Amino acid sequence: MTRKRPPDDPDRDTLVDRRTAMGVGTSKEMPAVDLVGQVVGGYLVEEQLGKGAMGAVFRGSHIDTHRVVALKVLHPHLVSEKSVVARFRREAKLAARLEHPYIGSVIELVAAEDGRQVIVLEHVEGEPLSSIMTMPLPPERVTVLVRQLLLGLEYAHGAGLIHRDLKPDNVLVEWRNGRDHARIVDFGIAILRDPGEGESQERLTATGQMIGTPLYMSPEQARGDAIDERTDLFSLGVMVYEMLAGVLPFEGRALDILSASLTRDPPPIEKRVPGLLVEPLLELYSRKLMARDLKKRFASARHALEVLEAIARGDTAAAKLGLGIMDVERALAVVSLPAAPGLASRGRRP
């Protein structure tokens, strides 16, 4: 099965204007940022790797050390938008805090000759997870990738950061020593749990805009409610479902997806992909991550990781307990009920 999606699908944009999402307004075409061949902050810009709603990413190398890096620069038309520039600079500041095997790190912030800010990032080899999920993945591979992503999220959440735009395009997968190695990148719209440590979420969110990617956005984020680490877990749940099924839980455009996420539970994978058999506990696991009710999701990345590892090692009882599935036989075996009054004395004689 091959999942067909245009490479520049507008539903994947990080910053979505509500008018654009409804099919009204300006063109979705992004202006090019032509820096190839220039030296920026001591780095030679060599090739454009990709672009999104806010900026473009280039491969470059330091002119003295020849270290290969990634360079992220805002689109020219956004440079005059103070809130966008603030968010861009904030990405460098926040991401520079993070140093973890499963998170792409920031090296420094430099400026181009025209004054545009450029974030210098560690160059991560590999390909986006979105290009790997073109068909259902084996459960063992899903488990490996999700475990790594949870470890990265646990670390980021422990540092007080919520990604807010976790999606397959923001996960790069390398092949190291015969196995996958996933890295979470692009903390461009991450927020601090404590706004007192930096710009507030409100000041960095423009009126009339949804911050995030509709295909993977949690219901509370879509409503504009207060969010915590569990919004990242919801996004991860959509990704787990997609890795297992090869398709997203819901079909449609941005507003269709948002409406479905707000009002409906995802359909069983068997209904989305007739004839496809998946590991039942992993499907239930994705559903718990995607629970619309925050209280029904895993409480933290650590909790989600513990349940995933129980599934991986075949500890069905512990996995069911973590997923909230009542195992009646196990419960009866471990719960000691008091004897009814006088029952022992009324027992039959041999």
C-alpha atoms as a PDB file:
ATOM      1  CA  MET A   1       0.000   0.000   0.000  1.00  0.00           C
ATOM      2  CA  THR A   2       1.325   3.430  -0.885  1.00  0.00           C
ATOM      3  CA  ARG A   3       0.068   6.522   0.843  1.00  0.00           C
ATOM      4  CA  LYS A   4      -0.289   9.288  -1.698  1.00  0.00           C
ATOM      5  CA  ARG A   5       0.214  12.835  -0.463  1.00  0.00           C
ATOM      6  CA  PRO A   6       1.691  15.806  -2.326  1.00  0.00           C
ATOM      7  CA  PRO A   7       5.130  16.709  -0.985  1.00  0.00           C
ATOM      8  CA  ASP A   8       4.076  20.306  -0.338  1.00  0.00           C
ATOM      9  CA  ASP A   9       0.663  19.499   1.147  1.00  0.00           C
ATOM     10  CA  PRO A  10      -0.545  22.771   2.715  1.00  0.00           C
ATOM     11  CA  ASP A  11      -2.168  20.842   5.557  1.00  0.00           C
ATOM     12  CA  ARG A  12       1.346  20.103   6.808  1.00  0.00           C
ATOM     13  CA  ASP A  13       2.275  23.775   7.223  1.00  0.00           C
ATOM     14  CA  THR A  14       3.369  24.828  10.671  1.00  0.00           C
ATOM     15  CA  LEU A  15       1.539  28.151  10.544  1.00  0.00           C
ATOM     16  CA  VAL A  16      -1.960  27.951   9.060  1.00  0.00           C
ATOM     17  CA  ASP A  17      -4.059  31.073   8.510  1.00  0.00           C
ATOM     18  CA  ARG A  18      -7.732  30.327   9.175  1.00  0.00           C
ATOM     19  CA  ARG A  19      -8.776  32.055   5.938  1.00  0.00           C
ATOM     20  CA  THR A  20      -6.355  29.920   3.942  1.00  0.00           C
ATOM     21  CA  ALA A  21      -7.590  26.764   5.690  1.00  0.00           C
ATOM     22  CA  MET A  22     -11.126  27.611   4.559  1.00  0.00           C
ATOM     23  CA  GLY A  23      -9.973  28.049   0.976  1.00  0.00           C
ATOM     24  CA  VAL A  24     -10.045  31.855   0.965  1.00  0.00           C
ATOM     25  CA  GLY A  25      -7.206  34.343   0.748  1.00  0.00           C
ATOM     26  CA  THR A  26      -3.712  34.449  -0.621  1.00  0.00           C
ATOM     27  CA  SER A  27      -1.607  32.033  -2.617  1.00  0.00           C
ATOM     28  CA  LYS A  28       0.060  29.176  -0.754  1.00  0.00           C
ATOM     29  CA  GLU A  29       3.222  29.544  -2.832  1.00  0.00           C
ATOM     30  CA  MET A  30       6.273  30.305  -0.672  1.00  0.00           C
ATOM     31  CA  PRO A  31       8.803  32.876  -1.881  1.00  0.00           C
ATOM     32  CA  ALA A  32      12.238  31.415  -2.480  1.00  0.00           C
ATOM     33  CA  VAL A  33      15.160  32.329  -0.229  1.00  0.00           C
ATOM     34  CA  ASP A  34      18.212  32.466  -2.491  1.00  0.00           C
ATOM     35  CA  LEU A  35      21.291  32.108  -0.298  1.00  0.00           C
ATOM     36  CA  VAL A  36      23.059  29.337  -2.191  1.00  0.00           C
ATOM     37  CA  GLY A  37      26.668  30.306  -2.836  1.00  0.00           C
ATOM     38  CA  GLN A  38      26.731  32.972  -0.131  1.00  0.00           C
ATOM     39  CA  VAL A  39      28.774  32.920   3.082  1.00  0.00           C
ATOM     40  CA  VAL A  40      26.593  33.501   6.137  1.00  0.00           C
ATOM     41  CA  GLY A  41      28.229  33.878   9.539  1.00  0.00           C
ATOM     42  CA  GLY A  42      31.251  31.894   8.409  1.00  0.00           C
ATOM     43  CA  TYR A  43      29.209  29.144   6.724  1.00  0.00           C
ATOM     44  CA  LEU A  44      29.073  28.510   2.974  1.00  0.00           C
ATOM     45  CA  VAL A  45      25.472  27.892   1.886  1.00  0.00           C
ATOM     46  CA  GLU A  46      25.568  24.953  -0.520  1.00  0.00           C
ATOM     47  CA  GLU A  47      22.101  23.576  -1.211  1.00  0.00           C
ATOM     48  CA  GLN A  48      18.448  24.103  -0.282  1.00  0.00           C
ATOM     49  CA  LEU A  49      17.064  21.064   1.525  1.00  0.00           C
ATOM     50  CA  GLY A  50      13.470  22.138   1.918  1.00  0.00           C
ATOM     51  CA  LYS A  51      11.039  24.889   2.880  1.00  0.00           C
ATOM     52  CA  GLY A  52       7.967  25.366   4.997  1.00  0.00           C
ATOM     53  CA  ALA A  53       5.527  28.044   6.051  1.00  0.00           C
ATOM     54  CA  MET A  54       8.074  30.079   7.990  1.00  0.00           C
ATOM     55  CA  GLY A  55      11.382  29.551   6.247  1.00  0.00           C
ATOM     56  CA  ALA A  56      13.794  27.435   4.252  1.00  0.00           C
ATOM     57  CA  VAL A  57      16.507  25.019   5.343  1.00  0.00           C
ATOM     58  CA  PHE A  58      19.873  24.765   3.591  1.00  0.00           C
ATOM     59  CA  ARG A  59      22.873  22.488   3.840  1.00  0.00           C
ATOM     60  CA  GLY A  60      26.115  24.349   4.445  1.00  0.00           C
ATOM     61  CA  SER A  61      29.638  23.939   5.802  1.00  0.00           C
ATOM     62  CA  HIS A  62      31.954  26.034   7.917  1.00  0.00           C
ATOM     63  CA  ILE A  63      34.544  27.687   5.698  1.00  0.00           C
ATOM     64  CA  ASP A  64      37.391  26.874   8.130  1.00  0.00           C
ATOM     65  CA  THR A  65      36.484  23.588   9.832  1.00  0.00           C
ATOM     66  CA  HIS A  66      34.350  22.236   6.925  1.00  0.00           C
ATOM     67  CA  ARG A  67      31.795  21.007   9.456  1.00  0.00           C
ATOM     68  CA  VAL A  68      28.518  20.211   7.676  1.00  0.00           C
ATOM     69  CA  VAL A  69      25.512  21.986   9.164  1.00  0.00           C
ATOM     70  CA  ALA A  70      21.896  22.863   8.411  1.00  0.00           C
ATOM     71  CA  LEU A  71      20.953  26.535   8.113  1.00  0.00           C
ATOM     72  CA  LYS A  72      17.421  27.667   8.768  1.00  0.00           C
ATOM     73  CA  VAL A  73      16.379  31.126   7.531  1.00  0.00           C
ATOM     74  CA  LEU A  74      13.072  33.014   7.488  1.00  0.00           C
ATOM     75  CA  HIS A  75      11.285  33.755   4.229  1.00  0.00           C
ATOM     76  CA  PRO A  76      12.008  37.389   3.224  1.00  0.00           C
ATOM     77  CA  HIS A  77       8.353  38.443   3.436  1.00  0.00           C
ATOM     78  CA  LEU A  78       8.227  37.448   7.111  1.00  0.00           C
ATOM     79  CA  VAL A  79      11.224  39.465   8.260  1.00  0.00           C
ATOM     80  CA  SER A  80       9.016  42.505   8.880  1.00  0.00           C
ATOM     81  CA  GLU A  81       6.646  40.444  11.069  1.00  0.00           C
ATOM     82  CA  LYS A  82       7.932  41.116  14.583  1.00  0.00           C
ATOM     83  CA  SER A  83       6.057  38.228  16.181  1.00  0.00           C
ATOM     84  CA  VAL A  84       7.403  35.771  13.610  1.00  0.00           C
ATOM     85  CA  VAL A  85      10.966  37.005  14.038  1.00  0.00           C
ATOM     86  CA  ALA A  86      10.541  36.715  17.807  1.00  0.00           C
ATOM     87  CA  ARG A  87       9.329  33.131  17.411  1.00  0.00           C
ATOM     88  CA  PHE A  88      12.245  32.350  15.108  1.00  0.00           C
ATOM     89  CA  ARG A  89      14.847  33.725  17.527  1.00  0.00           C
ATOM     90  CA  ARG A  90      13.072  31.992  20.355  1.00  0.00           C
ATOM     91  CA  GLU A  91      13.471  28.651  18.590  1.00  0.00           C
ATOM     92  CA  ALA A  92      17.234  29.030  18.714  1.00  0.00           C
ATOM     93  CA  LYS A  93      17.150  30.060  22.356  1.00  0.00           C
ATOM     94  CA  LEU A  94      14.914  27.200  23.435  1.00  0.00           C
ATOM     95  CA  ALA A  95      16.415  24.457  21.309  1.00  0.00           C
ATOM     96  CA  ALA A  96      19.925  25.421  22.420  1.00  0.00           C
ATOM     97  CA  ARG A  97      18.943  24.095  25.856  1.00  0.00           C
ATOM     98  CA  LEU A  98      18.461  20.604  24.482  1.00  0.00           C
ATOM     99  CA  GLU A  99      21.259  18.099  24.083  1.00  0.00           C
ATOM    100  CA  HIS A 100      19.980  14.567  23.657  1.00  0.00           C
ATOM    101  CA  PRO A 101      20.654  11.621  21.309  1.00  0.00           C
ATOM    102  CA  TYR A 102      17.104  11.760  19.937  1.00  0.00           C
ATOM    103  CA  ILE A 103      16.857  15.546  19.452  1.00  0.00           C
ATOM    104  CA  GLY A 104      18.565  17.631  16.758  1.00  0.00           C
ATOM    105  CA  SER A 105      20.648  20.349  18.429  1.00  0.00           C
ATOM    106  CA  VAL A 106      21.212  24.049  17.717  1.00  0.00           C
ATOM    107  CA  ILE A 107      24.800  25.255  17.266  1.00  0.00           C
ATOM    108  CA  GLU A 108      24.413  29.042  17.109  1.00  0.00           C
ATOM    109  CA  LEU A 109      22.449  32.004  15.760  1.00  0.00           C
ATOM    110  CA  VAL A 110      24.102  34.109  13.022  1.00  0.00           C
ATOM    111  CA  ALA A 111      22.987  36.874  10.666  1.00  0.00           C
ATOM    112  CA  ALA A 112      23.048  37.182   6.878  1.00  0.00           C
ATOM    113  CA  GLU A 113      24.359  40.380   5.246  1.00  0.00           C
ATOM    114  CA  ASP A 114      20.820  41.716   4.828  1.00  0.00           C
ATOM    115  CA  GLY A 115      20.192  41.259   8.547  1.00  0.00           C
ATOM    116  CA  ARG A 116      18.106  38.107   8.348  1.00  0.00           C
ATOM    117  CA  GLN A 117      18.585  35.793  11.316  1.00  0.00           C
ATOM    118  CA  VAL A 118      19.893  32.312  10.526  1.00  0.00           C
ATOM    119  CA  ILE A 119      19.811  29.374  12.934  1.00  0.00           C
ATOM    120  CA  VAL A 120      22.772  27.022  12.546  1.00  0.00           C
ATOM    121  CA  LEU A 121      21.681  23.473  13.309  1.00  0.00           C
ATOM    122  CA  GLU A 122      23.395  20.149  13.638  1.00  0.00           C
ATOM    123  CA  HIS A 123      23.125  18.444  10.246  1.00  0.00           C
ATOM    124  CA  VAL A 124      21.175  15.251  10.777  1.00  0.00           C
ATOM    125  CA  GLU A 125      21.659  12.574   8.173  1.00  0.00           C
ATOM    126  CA  GLY A 126      18.687  10.493   7.190  1.00  0.00           C
ATOM    127  CA  GLU A 127      15.210  11.084   5.858  1.00  0.00           C
ATOM    128  CA  PRO A 128      11.946  12.414   7.288  1.00  0.00           C
ATOM    129  CA  LEU A 129       9.772   9.840   8.984  1.00  0.00           C
ATOM    130  CA  SER A 130       7.014  10.911   6.570  1.00  0.00           C
ATOM    131  CA  SER A 131       8.962   9.380   3.673  1.00  0.00           C
ATOM    132  CA  ILE A 132       9.295   6.083   5.549  1.00  0.00           C
ATOM    133  CA  MET A 133       5.610   5.746   6.432  1.00  0.00           C
ATOM    134  CA  THR A 134       4.435   5.067   2.885  1.00  0.00           C
ATOM    135  CA  MET A 135       3.090   1.687   3.984  1.00  0.00           C
ATOM    136  CA  PRO A 136       2.402  -0.054   7.309  1.00  0.00           C
ATOM    137  CA  LEU A 137       5.598  -0.626   9.305  1.00  0.00           C
ATOM    138  CA  PRO A 138       6.401  -3.861  11.160  1.00  0.00           C
ATOM    139  CA  PRO A 139       5.455  -3.648  14.870  1.00  0.00           C
ATOM    140  CA  GLU A 140       9.079  -4.137  15.928  1.00  0.00           C
ATOM    141  CA  ARG A 141      10.158  -1.088  13.914  1.00  0.00           C
ATOM    142  CA  VAL A 142       7.246   0.964  15.230  1.00  0.00           C
ATOM    143  CA  THR A 143       8.259   0.088  18.778  1.00  0.00           C
ATOM    144  CA  VAL A 144      11.894   1.094  18.220  1.00  0.00           C
ATOM    145  CA  LEU A 145      10.992   4.446  16.663  1.00  0.00           C
ATOM    146  CA  VAL A 146       8.312   5.327  19.209  1.00  0.00           C
ATOM    147  CA  ARG A 147      10.592   4.423  22.108  1.00  0.00           C
ATOM    148  CA  GLN A 148      13.236   6.833  20.816  1.00  0.00           C
ATOM    149  CA  LEU A 149      10.707   9.609  20.281  1.00  0.00           C
ATOM    150  CA  LEU A 150       9.365   9.147  23.802  1.00  0.00           C
ATOM    151  CA  LEU A 151      12.864   9.361  25.245  1.00  0.00           C
ATOM    152  CA  GLY A 152      13.426  12.605  23.348  1.00  0.00           C
ATOM    153  CA  LEU A 153      10.072  14.003  24.477  1.00  0.00           C
ATOM    154  CA  GLU A 154      10.687  12.981  28.072  1.00  0.00           C
ATOM    155  CA  TYR A 155      13.943  14.920  28.023  1.00  0.00           C
ATOM    156  CA  ALA A 156      12.405  18.008  26.372  1.00  0.00           C
ATOM    157  CA  HIS A 157       9.406  17.974  28.701  1.00  0.00           C
ATOM    158  CA  GLY A 158      11.760  17.635  31.660  1.00  0.00           C
ATOM    159  CA  ALA A 159      13.498  20.802  30.443  1.00  0.00           C
ATOM    160  CA  GLY A 160      10.120  22.559  30.458  1.00  0.00           C
ATOM    161  CA  LEU A 161       9.567  22.490  26.687  1.00  0.00           C
ATOM    162  CA  ILE A 162       6.491  21.355  24.762  1.00  0.00           C
ATOM    163  CA  HIS A 163       7.085  20.861  21.039  1.00  0.00           C
ATOM    164  CA  ARG A 164       3.523  21.681  19.860  1.00  0.00           C
ATOM    165  CA  ASP A 165       4.209  20.637  16.260  1.00  0.00           C
ATOM    166  CA  LEU A 166       5.345  17.033  16.496  1.00  0.00           C
ATOM    167  CA  LYS A 167       4.768  15.348  13.134  1.00  0.00           C
ATOM    168  CA  PRO A 168       6.586  12.952  10.757  1.00  0.00           C
ATOM    169  CA  ASP A 169       8.208  15.832   8.858  1.00  0.00           C
ATOM    170  CA  ASN A 170       9.806  16.957  12.128  1.00  0.00           C
ATOM    171  CA  VAL A 171      11.396  13.567  12.783  1.00  0.00           C
ATOM    172  CA  LEU A 172      14.531  12.602  10.875  1.00  0.00           C
ATOM    173  CA  VAL A 173      15.533   8.941  10.802  1.00  0.00           C
ATOM    174  CA  GLU A 174      19.116   7.774  10.289  1.00  0.00           C
ATOM    175  CA  TRP A 175      20.339   4.216   9.818  1.00  0.00           C
ATOM    176  CA  ARG A 176      22.980   3.537  12.481  1.00  0.00           C
ATOM    177  CA  ASN A 177      24.640   0.212  13.158  1.00  0.00           C
ATOM    178  CA  GLY A 178      21.861  -1.704  11.469  1.00  0.00           C
ATOM    179  CA  ARG A 179      18.935   0.018  13.174  1.00  0.00           C
ATOM    180  CA  ASP A 180      16.835   3.173  13.051  1.00  0.00           C
ATOM    181  CA  HIS A 181      17.917   6.270  14.945  1.00  0.00           C
ATOM    182  CA  ALA A 182      15.222   8.958  15.172  1.00  0.00           C
ATOM    183  CA  ARG A 183      15.837  12.643  15.929  1.00  0.00           C
ATOM    184  CA  ILE A 184      13.146  15.215  16.765  1.00  0.00           C
ATOM    185  CA  VAL A 185      13.826  18.543  15.069  1.00  0.00           C
ATOM    186  CA  ASP A 186      12.250  21.997  14.720  1.00  0.00           C
ATOM    187  CA  PHE A 187      11.217  23.408  18.066  1.00  0.00           C
ATOM    188  CA  GLY A 188      10.105  26.545  16.214  1.00  0.00           C
ATOM    189  CA  ILE A 189       6.748  26.809  17.994  1.00  0.00           C
ATOM    190  CA  ALA A 190       7.700  25.082  21.222  1.00  0.00           C
ATOM    191  CA  ILE A 191       6.464  26.744  24.388  1.00  0.00           C
ATOM    192  CA  LEU A 192       7.778  26.899  27.898  1.00  0.00           C
ATOM    193  CA  ARG A 193       5.621  25.458  30.659  1.00  0.00           C
ATOM    194  CA  ASP A 194       6.500  28.575  32.659  1.00  0.00           C
ATOM    195  CA  PRO A 195       5.973  31.657  30.427  1.00  0.00           C
ATOM    196  CA  GLY A 196       7.927  33.695  32.974  1.00  0.00           C
ATOM    197  CA  GLU A 197      11.111  32.183  31.554  1.00  0.00           C
ATOM    198  CA  GLY A 198      10.580  33.750  28.121  1.00  0.00           C
ATOM    199  CA  GLU A 199       8.024  35.331  25.818  1.00  0.00           C
ATOM    200  CA  SER A 200       4.473  34.354  26.606  1.00  0.00           C
ATOM    201  CA  GLN A 201       2.539  32.045  24.336  1.00  0.00           C
ATOM    202  CA  GLU A 202      -0.012  34.805  23.692  1.00  0.00           C
ATOM    203  CA  ARG A 203       2.533  37.303  22.419  1.00  0.00           C
ATOM    204  CA  LEU A 204       3.938  34.787  19.962  1.00  0.00           C
ATOM    205  CA  THR A 205       0.587  33.684  18.537  1.00  0.00           C
ATOM    206  CA  ALA A 206      -0.859  35.995  15.897  1.00  0.00           C
ATOM    207  CA  THR A 207      -4.588  36.716  15.908  1.00  0.00           C
ATOM    208  CA  GLY A 208      -6.532  34.504  13.529  1.00  0.00           C
ATOM    209  CA  GLN A 209      -3.832  31.842  13.239  1.00  0.00           C
ATOM    210  CA  MET A 210      -3.652  28.255  14.420  1.00  0.00           C
ATOM    211  CA  ILE A 211      -0.190  27.275  15.574  1.00  0.00           C
ATOM    212  CA  GLY A 212       0.563  23.674  14.711  1.00  0.00           C
ATOM    213  CA  THR A 213      -0.191  21.186  11.966  1.00  0.00           C
ATOM    214  CA  PRO A 214      -3.892  20.248  11.645  1.00  0.00           C
ATOM    215  CA  LEU A 215      -3.218  16.626  10.699  1.00  0.00           C
ATOM    216  CA  TYR A 216      -1.497  15.970  14.036  1.00  0.00           C
ATOM    217  CA  MET A 217      -2.965  18.670  16.298  1.00  0.00           C
ATOM    218  CA  SER A 218      -4.535  17.763  19.643  1.00  0.00           C
ATOM    219  CA  PRO A 219      -8.161  18.761  20.296  1.00  0.00           C
ATOM    220  CA  GLU A 220      -7.202  21.132  23.116  1.00  0.00           C
ATOM    221  CA  GLN A 221      -4.640  22.839  20.899  1.00  0.00           C
ATOM    222  CA  ALA A 222      -7.203  23.195  18.095  1.00  0.00           C
ATOM    223  CA  ARG A 223      -9.652  24.782  20.540  1.00  0.00           C
ATOM    224  CA  GLY A 224      -7.017  27.202  21.791  1.00  0.00           C
ATOM    225  CA  ASP A 225      -7.204  25.783  25.316  1.00  0.00           C
ATOM    226  CA  ALA A 226      -4.289  25.627  27.726  1.00  0.00           C
ATOM    227  CA  ILE A 227      -1.962  22.768  26.822  1.00  0.00           C
ATOM    228  CA  ASP A 228       0.647  20.669  28.545  1.00  0.00           C
ATOM    229  CA  GLU A 229       3.000  17.829  27.581  1.00  0.00           C
ATOM    230  CA  ARG A 230       0.068  15.606  26.674  1.00  0.00           C
ATOM    231  CA  THR A 231      -0.535  17.601  23.494  1.00  0.00           C
ATOM    232  CA  ASP A 232       2.751  16.132  22.167  1.00  0.00           C
ATOM    233  CA  LEU A 233       1.566  12.661  23.179  1.00  0.00           C
ATOM    234  CA  PHE A 234      -1.608  13.121  21.122  1.00  0.00           C
ATOM    235  CA  SER A 235       0.476  14.046  18.074  1.00  0.00           C
ATOM    236  CA  LEU A 236       2.654  11.011  18.667  1.00  0.00           C
ATOM    237  CA  GLY A 237      -0.475   8.844  18.860  1.00  0.00           C
ATOM    238  CA  VAL A 238      -1.538   9.964  15.388  1.00  0.00           C
ATOM    239  CA  MET A 239       1.939   9.069  14.150  1.00  0.00           C
ATOM    240  CA  VAL A 240       1.775   5.615  15.774  1.00  0.00           C
ATOM    241  CA  TYR A 241      -1.605   4.971  14.137  1.00  0.00           C
ATOM    242  CA  GLU A 242      -0.167   6.081  10.803  1.00  0.00           C
ATOM    243  CA  MET A 243       2.913   3.869  11.195  1.00  0.00           C
ATOM    244  CA  LEU A 244       0.705   0.865  11.901  1.00  0.00           C
ATOM    245  CA  ALA A 245      -1.913   1.550   9.211  1.00  0.00           C
ATOM    246  CA  GLY A 246       0.022   3.399   6.518  1.00  0.00           C
ATOM    247  CA  VAL A 247      -2.785   5.995   6.504  1.00  0.00           C
ATOM    248  CA  LEU A 248      -3.953   8.754   8.838  1.00  0.00           C
ATOM    249  CA  PRO A 249      -6.907   8.178  11.188  1.00  0.00           C
ATOM    250  CA  PHE A 250      -9.084  10.673   9.296  1.00  0.00           C
ATOM    251  CA  GLU A 251      -9.257  11.914   5.723  1.00  0.00           C
ATOM    252  CA  GLY A 252     -10.009  15.383   4.386  1.00  0.00           C
ATOM    253  CA  ARG A 253      -8.660  18.913   4.412  1.00  0.00           C
ATOM    254  CA  ALA A 254      -7.437  20.875   7.431  1.00  0.00           C
ATOM    255  CA  LEU A 255     -10.839  21.822   8.849  1.00  0.00           C
ATOM    256  CA  ASP A 256     -12.221  18.316   8.225  1.00  0.00           C
ATOM    257  CA  ILE A 257      -9.349  16.791  10.195  1.00  0.00           C
ATOM    258  CA  LEU A 258      -9.724  19.292  13.043  1.00  0.00           C
ATOM    259  CA  SER A 259     -13.459  18.724  13.253  1.00  0.00           C
ATOM    260  CA  ALA A 260     -13.006  14.949  13.320  1.00  0.00           C
ATOM    261  CA  SER A 261     -10.333  15.126  16.029  1.00  0.00           C
ATOM    262  CA  LEU A 262     -12.622  17.271  18.160  1.00  0.00           C
ATOM    263  CA  THR A 263     -15.752  15.162  17.846  1.00  0.00           C
ATOM    264  CA  ARG A 264     -14.889  11.564  16.963  1.00  0.00           C
ATOM    265  CA  ASP A 265     -12.603   8.750  18.009  1.00  0.00           C
ATOM    266  CA  PRO A 266     -10.411   7.352  15.220  1.00  0.00           C
ATOM    267  CA  PRO A 267     -11.968   4.410  13.367  1.00  0.00           C
ATOM    268  CA  PRO A 268     -10.448   0.964  13.909  1.00  0.00           C
ATOM    269  CA  ILE A 269      -7.525   0.342  11.579  1.00  0.00           C
ATOM    270  CA  GLU A 270      -9.405  -2.640  10.167  1.00  0.00           C
ATOM    271  CA  LYS A 271     -12.068  -0.244   8.868  1.00  0.00           C
ATOM    272  CA  ARG A 272      -9.538   2.246   7.479  1.00  0.00           C
ATOM    273  CA  VAL A 273      -7.528  -0.502   5.793  1.00  0.00           C
ATOM    274  CA  PRO A 274      -9.694  -3.613   5.274  1.00  0.00           C
ATOM    275  CA  GLY A 275      -7.713  -6.823   5.528  1.00  0.00           C
ATOM    276  CA  LEU A 276      -4.764  -5.268   7.373  1.00  0.00           C
ATOM    277  CA  LEU A 277      -3.906  -7.048  10.624  1.00  0.00           C
ATOM    278  CA  VAL A 278      -2.004  -5.106  13.254  1.00  0.00           C
ATOM    279  CA  GLU A 279      -0.777  -5.859  16.764  1.00  0.00           C
ATOM    280  CA  PRO A 280      -3.931  -5.216  18.887  1.00  0.00           C
ATOM    281  CA  LEU A 281      -2.072  -3.813  21.891  1.00  0.00           C
ATOM    282  CA  LEU A 282      -0.151  -1.369  19.715  1.00  0.00           C
ATOM    283  CA  GLU A 283      -3.383  -0.144  18.144  1.00  0.00           C
ATOM    284  CA  LEU A 284      -4.892   0.302  21.614  1.00  0.00           C
ATOM    285  CA  TYR A 285      -1.694   2.083  22.595  1.00  0.00           C
ATOM    286  CA  SER A 286      -2.097   4.591  19.756  1.00  0.00           C
ATOM    287  CA  ARG A 287      -5.699   5.147  20.810  1.00  0.00           C
ATOM    288  CA  LYS A 288      -4.750   5.902  24.411  1.00  0.00           C
ATOM    289  CA  LEU A 289      -2.199   8.433  23.177  1.00  0.00           C
ATOM    290  CA  MET A 290      -4.935   9.988  21.007  1.00  0.00           C
ATOM    291  CA  ALA A 291      -7.661  10.070  23.669  1.00  0.00           C
ATOM    292  CA  ARG A 292      -9.706  13.253  23.271  1.00  0.00           C
ATOM    293  CA  ASP A 293     -10.133  13.400  27.045  1.00  0.00           C
ATOM    294  CA  LEU A 294      -6.804  14.511  28.513  1.00  0.00           C
ATOM    295  CA  LYS A 295      -7.379  12.422  31.641  1.00  0.00           C
ATOM    296  CA  LYS A 296      -7.578   9.269  29.529  1.00  0.00           C
ATOM    297  CA  ARG A 297      -4.187   9.819  27.870  1.00  0.00           C
ATOM    298  CA  PHE A 298      -0.906   8.725  29.374  1.00  0.00           C
ATOM    299  CA  ALA A 299       0.066  11.155  32.117  1.00  0.00           C
ATOM    300  CA  SER A 300       3.589  11.634  30.759  1.00  0.00           C
ATOM    301  CA  ALA A 301       6.111  10.443  28.195  1.00  0.00           C
ATOM    302  CA  ARG A 302       7.668   8.274  30.931  1.00  0.00           C
ATOM    303  CA  HIS A 303       4.342   6.563  31.612  1.00  0.00           C
ATOM    304  CA  ALA A 304       3.812   5.983  27.880  1.00  0.00           C
ATOM    305  CA  LEU A 305       7.330   4.579  27.592  1.00  0.00           C
ATOM    306  CA  GLU A 306       6.794   2.107  30.436  1.00  0.00           C
ATOM    307  CA  VAL A 307       3.641   0.737  28.802  1.00  0.00           C
ATOM    308  CA  LEU A 308       5.329   0.524  25.390  1.00  0.00           C
ATOM    309  CA  GLU A 309       8.189  -1.480  26.890  1.00  0.00           C
ATOM    310  CA  ALA A 310       5.707  -3.835  28.551  1.00  0.00           C
ATOM    311  CA  ILE A 311       4.125  -4.458  25.135  1.00  0.00           C
ATOM    312  CA  ALA A 312       7.540  -4.985  23.552  1.00  0.00           C
ATOM    313  CA  ARG A 313       8.678  -7.584  26.100  1.00  0.00           C
ATOM    314  CA  GLY A 314       5.381  -9.457  25.885  1.00  0.00           C
ATOM    315  CA  ASP A 315       4.173  -8.609  29.391  1.00  0.00           C
ATOM    316  CA  THR A 316       0.516  -8.609  28.414  1.00  0.00           C
ATOM    317  CA  ALA A 317      -0.794  -8.206  31.955  1.00  0.00           C
ATOM    318  CA  ALA A 318       1.318  -5.091  32.642  1.00  0.00           C
ATOM    319  CA  ALA A 319       0.506  -3.684  29.190  1.00  0.00           C
ATOM    320  CA  LYS A 320      -3.242  -4.128  29.709  1.00  0.00           C
ATOM    321  CA  LEU A 321      -2.995  -2.550  33.138  1.00  0.00           C
ATOM    322  CA  GLY A 322      -1.173   0.454  31.661  1.00  0.00           C
ATOM    323  CA  LEU A 323      -3.734   0.720  28.866  1.00  0.00           C
ATOM    324  CA  GLY A 324      -6.586   0.637  31.369  1.00  0.00           C
ATOM    325  CA  ILE A 325      -7.895  -2.749  30.225  1.00  0.00           C
ATOM    326  CA  MET A 326      -9.415  -4.772  33.043  1.00  0.00           C
ATOM    327  CA  ASP A 327      -8.070  -8.324  33.156  1.00  0.00           C
ATOM    328  CA  VAL A 328     -10.759 -10.021  35.260  1.00  0.00           C
ATOM    329  CA  GLU A 329      -8.885 -13.293  35.843  1.00  0.00           C
ATOM    330  CA  ARG A 330      -5.746 -11.450  36.965  1.00  0.00           C
ATOM    331  CA  ALA A 331      -7.788  -9.177  39.208  1.00  0.00           C
ATOM    332  CA  LEU A 332      -9.485 -12.123  40.889  1.00  0.00           C
ATOM    333  CA  ALA A 333      -6.141 -13.826  41.391  1.00  0.00           C
ATOM    334  CA  VAL A 334      -4.539 -10.903  43.208  1.00  0.00           C
ATOM    335  CA  VAL A 335      -7.515  -9.468  45.108  1.00  0.00           C
ATOM    336  CA  SER A 336      -8.319 -11.165  48.399  1.00  0.00           C
ATOM    337  CA  LEU A 337     -11.973 -10.803  49.330  1.00  0.00           C
ATOM    338  CA  PRO A 338     -13.018 -11.146  52.997  1.00  0.00           C
ATOM    339  CA  ALA A 339     -15.055 -14.211  53.815  1.00  0.00           C
ATOM    340  CA  ALA A 340     -18.743 -13.712  54.447  1.00  0.00           C
ATOM    341  CA  PRO A 341     -19.702 -13.726  58.162  1.00  0.00           C
ATOM    342  CA  GLY A 342     -19.987 -17.255  59.537  1.00  0.00           C
ATOM    343  CA  LEU A 343     -19.014 -18.809  56.217  1.00  0.00           C
ATOM    344  CA  ALA A 344     -16.034 -20.678  57.643  1.00  0.00           C
ATOM    345  CA  SER A 345     -18.069 -22.114  60.516  1.00  0.00           C
ATOM    346  CA  ARG A 346     -20.794 -23.301  58.145  1.00  0.00           C
ATOM    347  CA  GLY A 347     -18.441 -25.225  55.937  1.00  0.00           C
ATOM    348  CA  ARG A 348     -19.315 -28.821  55.132  1.00  0.00           C
ATOM    349  CA  ARG A 349     -17.831 -31.535  57.182  1.00  0.00           C
ATOM    350  CA  PRO A 350     -15.799 -34.127  55.349  1.00  0.00           C
END
